[in-house]
Protein backbone atom coordinates (compact mmCIF):
# COMPACT_ATOMS: atom_id res chain seq x y z
CA MET A 1 10.39 5.37 -13.80
CA ASP A 2 13.30 3.05 -14.45
CA ALA A 3 15.14 4.38 -17.50
CA GLN A 4 16.17 0.93 -18.71
CA THR A 5 12.87 -0.97 -18.55
CA GLY A 6 10.14 1.67 -18.43
CA THR A 7 8.68 0.23 -15.23
CA VAL A 8 6.86 2.92 -13.22
CA ILE A 9 7.67 2.39 -9.54
CA LEU A 10 5.95 4.71 -7.07
CA VAL A 11 7.73 4.56 -3.71
CA GLY A 12 6.48 5.88 -0.39
CA THR A 13 5.80 4.95 3.22
CA SER A 14 2.85 3.57 5.16
CA GLY A 15 1.70 6.74 6.87
CA TRP A 16 3.44 10.04 7.57
CA GLN A 17 2.40 11.05 11.12
CA TYR A 18 5.22 9.60 13.23
CA GLN A 19 6.70 11.69 16.03
CA ASP A 20 10.16 10.14 15.76
CA TRP A 21 10.38 11.44 12.18
CA ARG A 22 10.65 14.95 13.58
CA GLY A 23 14.30 15.83 13.13
CA PRO A 24 15.39 13.00 10.81
CA PHE A 25 12.76 14.01 8.22
CA TYR A 26 10.50 16.82 9.41
CA PRO A 27 12.17 20.10 10.39
CA PRO A 28 11.92 20.47 14.19
CA GLY A 29 9.82 23.64 13.99
CA LEU A 30 7.40 22.45 11.31
CA PRO A 31 3.80 22.24 12.62
CA GLN A 32 2.27 18.77 12.33
CA ARG A 33 -0.55 20.14 10.16
CA GLU A 34 2.09 20.83 7.48
CA TRP A 35 3.74 17.41 7.59
CA LEU A 36 1.73 15.93 4.71
CA ALA A 37 2.64 18.80 2.40
CA HIS A 38 6.31 18.38 3.38
CA TYR A 39 6.09 14.63 2.80
CA ALA A 40 4.43 15.10 -0.60
CA ALA A 41 7.30 17.34 -1.69
CA HIS A 42 9.68 14.37 -1.27
CA PHE A 43 7.62 11.31 -2.28
CA PRO A 44 5.04 10.66 -5.03
CA THR A 45 2.75 8.46 -2.93
CA VAL A 46 1.70 7.49 0.59
CA GLU A 47 -0.28 4.60 2.04
CA VAL A 48 -2.81 5.65 4.70
CA ASN A 49 -3.07 3.05 7.48
CA SER A 50 -4.96 5.10 10.08
CA VAL A 51 -8.22 4.66 8.15
CA PHE A 52 -8.09 0.97 9.07
CA TYR A 53 -8.79 1.85 12.72
CA ARG A 54 -11.27 4.69 12.23
CA LEU A 55 -12.84 5.83 8.97
CA PRO A 56 -12.77 9.65 8.84
CA LYS A 57 -15.47 11.75 7.22
CA ARG A 58 -15.07 12.78 3.60
CA ASP A 59 -13.88 16.30 4.48
CA VAL A 60 -10.73 14.84 6.08
CA PHE A 61 -9.83 13.18 2.77
CA THR A 62 -10.69 16.42 0.96
CA ALA A 63 -8.24 18.27 3.21
CA TRP A 64 -5.52 15.72 2.47
CA ARG A 65 -6.12 16.25 -1.25
CA ALA A 66 -5.68 20.00 -0.81
CA GLN A 67 -2.29 19.48 0.86
CA THR A 68 -0.82 17.40 -1.95
CA PRO A 69 0.25 18.32 -5.49
CA ALA A 70 -1.30 17.14 -8.73
CA GLY A 71 -0.10 13.65 -9.58
CA PHE A 72 0.35 12.61 -5.95
CA THR A 73 -1.19 9.20 -5.13
CA VAL A 74 -2.84 8.15 -1.87
CA ALA A 75 -3.34 4.42 -1.32
CA VAL A 76 -5.87 3.70 1.43
CA LYS A 77 -6.07 0.66 3.69
CA ALA A 78 -9.70 -0.39 4.02
CA SER A 79 -11.49 -0.28 7.36
CA ARG A 80 -11.09 -3.21 9.73
CA TYR A 81 -14.90 -3.25 9.97
CA LEU A 82 -14.91 -4.78 6.49
CA THR A 83 -11.86 -7.03 6.77
CA HIS A 84 -11.56 -8.00 10.45
CA ILE A 85 -15.04 -7.65 11.94
CA ARG A 86 -17.21 -8.58 8.96
CA ARG A 87 -14.39 -10.73 7.56
CA LEU A 88 -15.62 -9.83 4.05
CA ARG A 89 -19.16 -11.04 4.78
CA ASP A 90 -22.04 -8.79 3.64
CA PRO A 91 -19.57 -6.31 2.12
CA ALA A 92 -21.98 -4.01 0.25
CA GLU A 93 -22.62 -1.46 3.00
CA PRO A 94 -19.07 -1.15 4.42
CA VAL A 95 -17.59 -0.87 0.91
CA ARG A 96 -20.13 1.79 -0.06
CA ARG A 97 -19.45 3.79 3.13
CA PHE A 98 -15.70 3.51 2.62
CA LEU A 99 -15.90 4.65 -1.01
CA ASP A 100 -18.16 7.58 -0.09
CA ALA A 101 -15.52 8.82 2.34
CA VAL A 102 -12.40 8.33 0.21
CA ALA A 103 -14.12 10.07 -2.71
CA GLY A 104 -12.89 13.25 -1.03
CA LEU A 105 -9.43 12.43 -2.38
CA GLY A 106 -10.67 12.89 -5.94
CA ASP A 107 -7.89 12.27 -8.45
CA ARG A 108 -5.37 11.61 -5.64
CA LEU A 109 -7.03 8.27 -4.79
CA GLY A 110 -4.83 5.32 -5.69
CA PRO A 111 -5.21 1.63 -4.83
CA VAL A 112 -7.34 0.37 -1.97
CA LEU A 113 -5.62 -2.23 0.23
CA LEU A 114 -7.62 -5.08 1.76
CA GLN A 115 -5.39 -6.56 4.48
CA LEU A 116 -6.99 -9.73 5.84
CA PRO A 117 -6.59 -11.08 9.39
CA PRO A 118 -3.81 -13.65 9.86
CA THR A 119 -6.39 -16.05 11.35
CA MET A 120 -8.80 -15.75 8.42
CA ARG A 121 -8.78 -18.85 6.26
CA ALA A 122 -9.36 -18.69 2.53
CA ASP A 123 -12.87 -17.77 1.46
CA PRO A 124 -12.79 -17.22 -2.30
CA ASP A 125 -16.53 -16.59 -2.54
CA ALA A 126 -16.47 -13.83 0.08
CA LEU A 127 -13.44 -12.29 -1.60
CA ALA A 128 -15.16 -12.32 -5.00
CA ASP A 129 -18.31 -10.78 -3.52
CA THR A 130 -16.24 -8.01 -1.94
CA LEU A 131 -14.18 -7.23 -5.02
CA ARG A 132 -17.23 -6.88 -7.24
CA ARG A 133 -18.50 -4.09 -4.97
CA PHE A 134 -15.70 -1.79 -6.13
CA PRO A 135 -16.32 0.23 -9.29
CA LYS A 136 -14.59 -0.71 -12.50
CA GLY A 137 -11.26 1.04 -12.72
CA GLN A 138 -10.70 1.24 -8.97
CA ARG A 139 -7.46 -0.57 -8.21
CA VAL A 140 -7.66 -2.99 -5.29
CA ALA A 141 -4.79 -4.93 -3.72
CA VAL A 142 -5.41 -7.86 -1.38
CA GLU A 143 -2.98 -8.90 1.38
CA PRO A 144 -4.03 -12.32 2.75
CA ARG A 145 -2.00 -13.59 5.69
CA HIS A 146 -3.16 -17.19 6.13
CA PRO A 147 -1.43 -19.81 3.96
CA SER A 148 -4.75 -21.36 2.91
CA TRP A 149 -5.16 -18.46 0.46
CA TRP A 150 -2.33 -19.70 -1.76
CA SER A 151 -4.49 -21.67 -4.20
CA GLU A 152 -5.29 -21.51 -7.88
CA GLN A 153 -8.92 -20.79 -7.00
CA VAL A 154 -7.95 -17.65 -5.11
CA ARG A 155 -5.54 -16.62 -7.84
CA ALA A 156 -8.36 -16.96 -10.39
CA VAL A 157 -10.64 -14.72 -8.29
CA LEU A 158 -7.98 -12.02 -8.15
CA GLU A 159 -7.34 -12.23 -11.87
CA ARG A 160 -11.03 -12.18 -12.75
CA HIS A 161 -11.56 -8.99 -10.75
CA HIS A 162 -8.25 -7.39 -11.84
CA ALA A 163 -7.12 -7.18 -8.20
CA ALA A 164 -3.44 -7.38 -7.30
CA LEU A 165 -2.06 -9.86 -4.83
CA CYS A 166 -0.18 -7.64 -2.39
CA TRP A 167 3.39 -8.85 -2.11
CA ALA A 168 4.86 -8.52 1.36
CA ASP A 169 8.34 -8.77 2.84
CA ARG A 170 9.35 -9.46 6.40
CA LEU A 171 13.02 -9.83 7.36
CA GLY A 172 14.03 -10.03 3.72
CA ARG A 173 11.71 -12.93 2.86
CA PRO A 174 8.57 -12.95 0.69
CA GLN A 175 5.45 -13.61 2.75
CA THR A 176 3.29 -14.45 -0.28
CA PRO A 177 3.59 -16.22 -3.62
CA LEU A 178 4.97 -13.84 -6.23
CA TRP A 179 1.87 -13.92 -8.43
CA ARG A 180 1.00 -11.21 -10.89
CA THR A 181 -2.81 -11.05 -10.97
CA ALA A 182 -3.47 -7.53 -12.31
CA ASP A 183 -2.02 -4.82 -14.52
CA PHE A 184 -0.31 -3.22 -11.51
CA GLY A 185 1.76 -4.39 -8.58
CA TYR A 186 1.69 -3.63 -4.85
CA LEU A 187 4.57 -4.36 -2.45
CA ARG A 188 4.80 -3.73 1.30
CA PHE A 189 8.07 -3.84 3.27
CA HIS A 190 7.22 -4.62 6.91
CA GLU A 191 10.57 -5.18 8.63
CA GLY A 192 14.17 -5.43 7.50
CA ARG A 193 17.04 -7.23 9.17
CA ALA A 194 19.82 -4.71 8.53
CA GLN A 195 21.36 -2.40 11.11
CA PRO A 196 20.07 -0.24 12.62
CA ARG A 197 16.89 -2.35 12.88
CA PRO A 198 14.41 -2.43 11.23
CA ARG A 199 16.28 -1.12 8.15
CA TYR A 200 16.63 -3.01 4.86
CA GLY A 201 20.03 -3.80 3.41
CA ARG A 202 21.10 -2.88 -0.09
CA THR A 203 21.12 -6.50 -1.27
CA ALA A 204 17.52 -7.09 -0.17
CA LEU A 205 16.34 -3.93 -1.92
CA ARG A 206 18.15 -4.84 -5.15
CA THR A 207 16.62 -8.32 -5.09
CA TRP A 208 13.09 -6.93 -4.77
CA HIS A 209 13.81 -4.34 -7.44
CA GLY A 210 14.74 -7.11 -9.85
CA ARG A 211 11.63 -9.11 -9.02
CA LEU A 212 9.40 -6.15 -9.80
CA HIS A 213 11.01 -5.61 -13.19
CA ASP A 214 10.92 -9.27 -14.09
CA THR A 215 7.24 -9.61 -13.19
CA PHE A 216 5.53 -6.34 -14.06
CA GLY A 217 7.39 -5.04 -17.12
CA ASP A 218 6.04 -1.61 -17.99
CA HIS A 219 3.09 -1.76 -15.58
CA PRO A 220 3.03 0.49 -12.49
CA VAL A 221 4.03 -0.82 -9.09
CA TYR A 222 3.20 0.79 -5.74
CA VAL A 223 5.84 0.22 -3.05
CA TYR A 224 5.41 1.16 0.62
CA PHE A 225 7.76 0.84 3.58
CA ASN A 226 6.00 0.06 6.85
CA ASN A 227 9.16 -0.14 9.00
CA ASP A 228 8.45 3.27 10.49
CA PRO A 229 10.46 3.21 13.78
CA HIS A 230 13.40 5.63 13.86
CA ALA A 231 12.55 6.87 10.33
CA ALA A 232 13.83 3.61 8.84
CA ALA A 233 10.99 3.74 6.30
CA ILE A 234 12.13 7.16 5.06
CA ALA A 235 15.73 6.05 4.55
CA ASP A 236 14.73 2.80 2.84
CA ALA A 237 12.12 4.44 0.61
CA ARG A 238 14.73 6.92 -0.56
CA ALA A 239 17.20 4.11 -1.24
CA PHE A 240 14.65 2.09 -3.17
CA ALA A 241 13.58 5.12 -5.20
CA ALA A 242 17.22 5.70 -6.11
CA LEU A 243 17.41 2.15 -7.44
CA ALA A 244 14.32 2.80 -9.57
CA ARG A 245 15.94 5.92 -11.01
C-alpha cells in the first residue's frame, strides 16, 4: 500500500518457472518444486500464464494453494480455447470448465485475465456474453489487442459487467486507452527499453506509478511484469514495489 494515497498495489510477475531465474532469484540448489513457495515469500501475487496453453486439473491448482501463504493472490490467464479458438463464441462450457479447475485455488484466486488475439476485431456482444458467465464477485480483466476495441460501446460493456480493461505497456508506451472500467486495475509490463534489455527504466516506472494513483485512488491494482528473460521481471517488480512503498 502506498502510504500517501492508500492505493493498494499488488506487484508480481507473469509466471515463476523460468530456468534463467536460477541464480539471480532462486538459490542454485533449490528444487523446482519449491520455487513457488520461495517466490511467494518475496511477492504478494503471481499471474499464471501456463494455463493459457493447457488447463490443468483442479488438483494442480490445489497444490499451488498449499504452497502459498494466506493472503497470496493468484491471477490466472484464461485458456486459449476460450479466447483464441472459440474467440469468445459459445463461452458457457469453456468458462464453466475453467472455473471448475481454478476453484482449487480457493481464497488464493484473484482476477481472471482474458487476453484476446491481436487479429480479433471488436465483438462487444460476444464479450458481454462471456463476461456474464463469470459469477458475481469474480474479478475479470480483459486485454484486447486490436484497435477496433477502443470504442464507447466496448467501454460500456466492461463497465456494465464490472470488468477491468487491462492496461499494457510495451517499450514504455501504453498499448491501450487508460480507461478505468471497474473498481480495480490491472497492468501488464511486456517489454522495457532500458539496459540490459528488456528492463524498465526508473522514469518509466515512476510514470506508470503516477497513472495508477491518479486513476484508481484507493482501489486495488494488480501489476505484473512479463519481461521474464534474464530475471528482468524480478528486478523491475522489486523496483516498482519499492515505489509503491
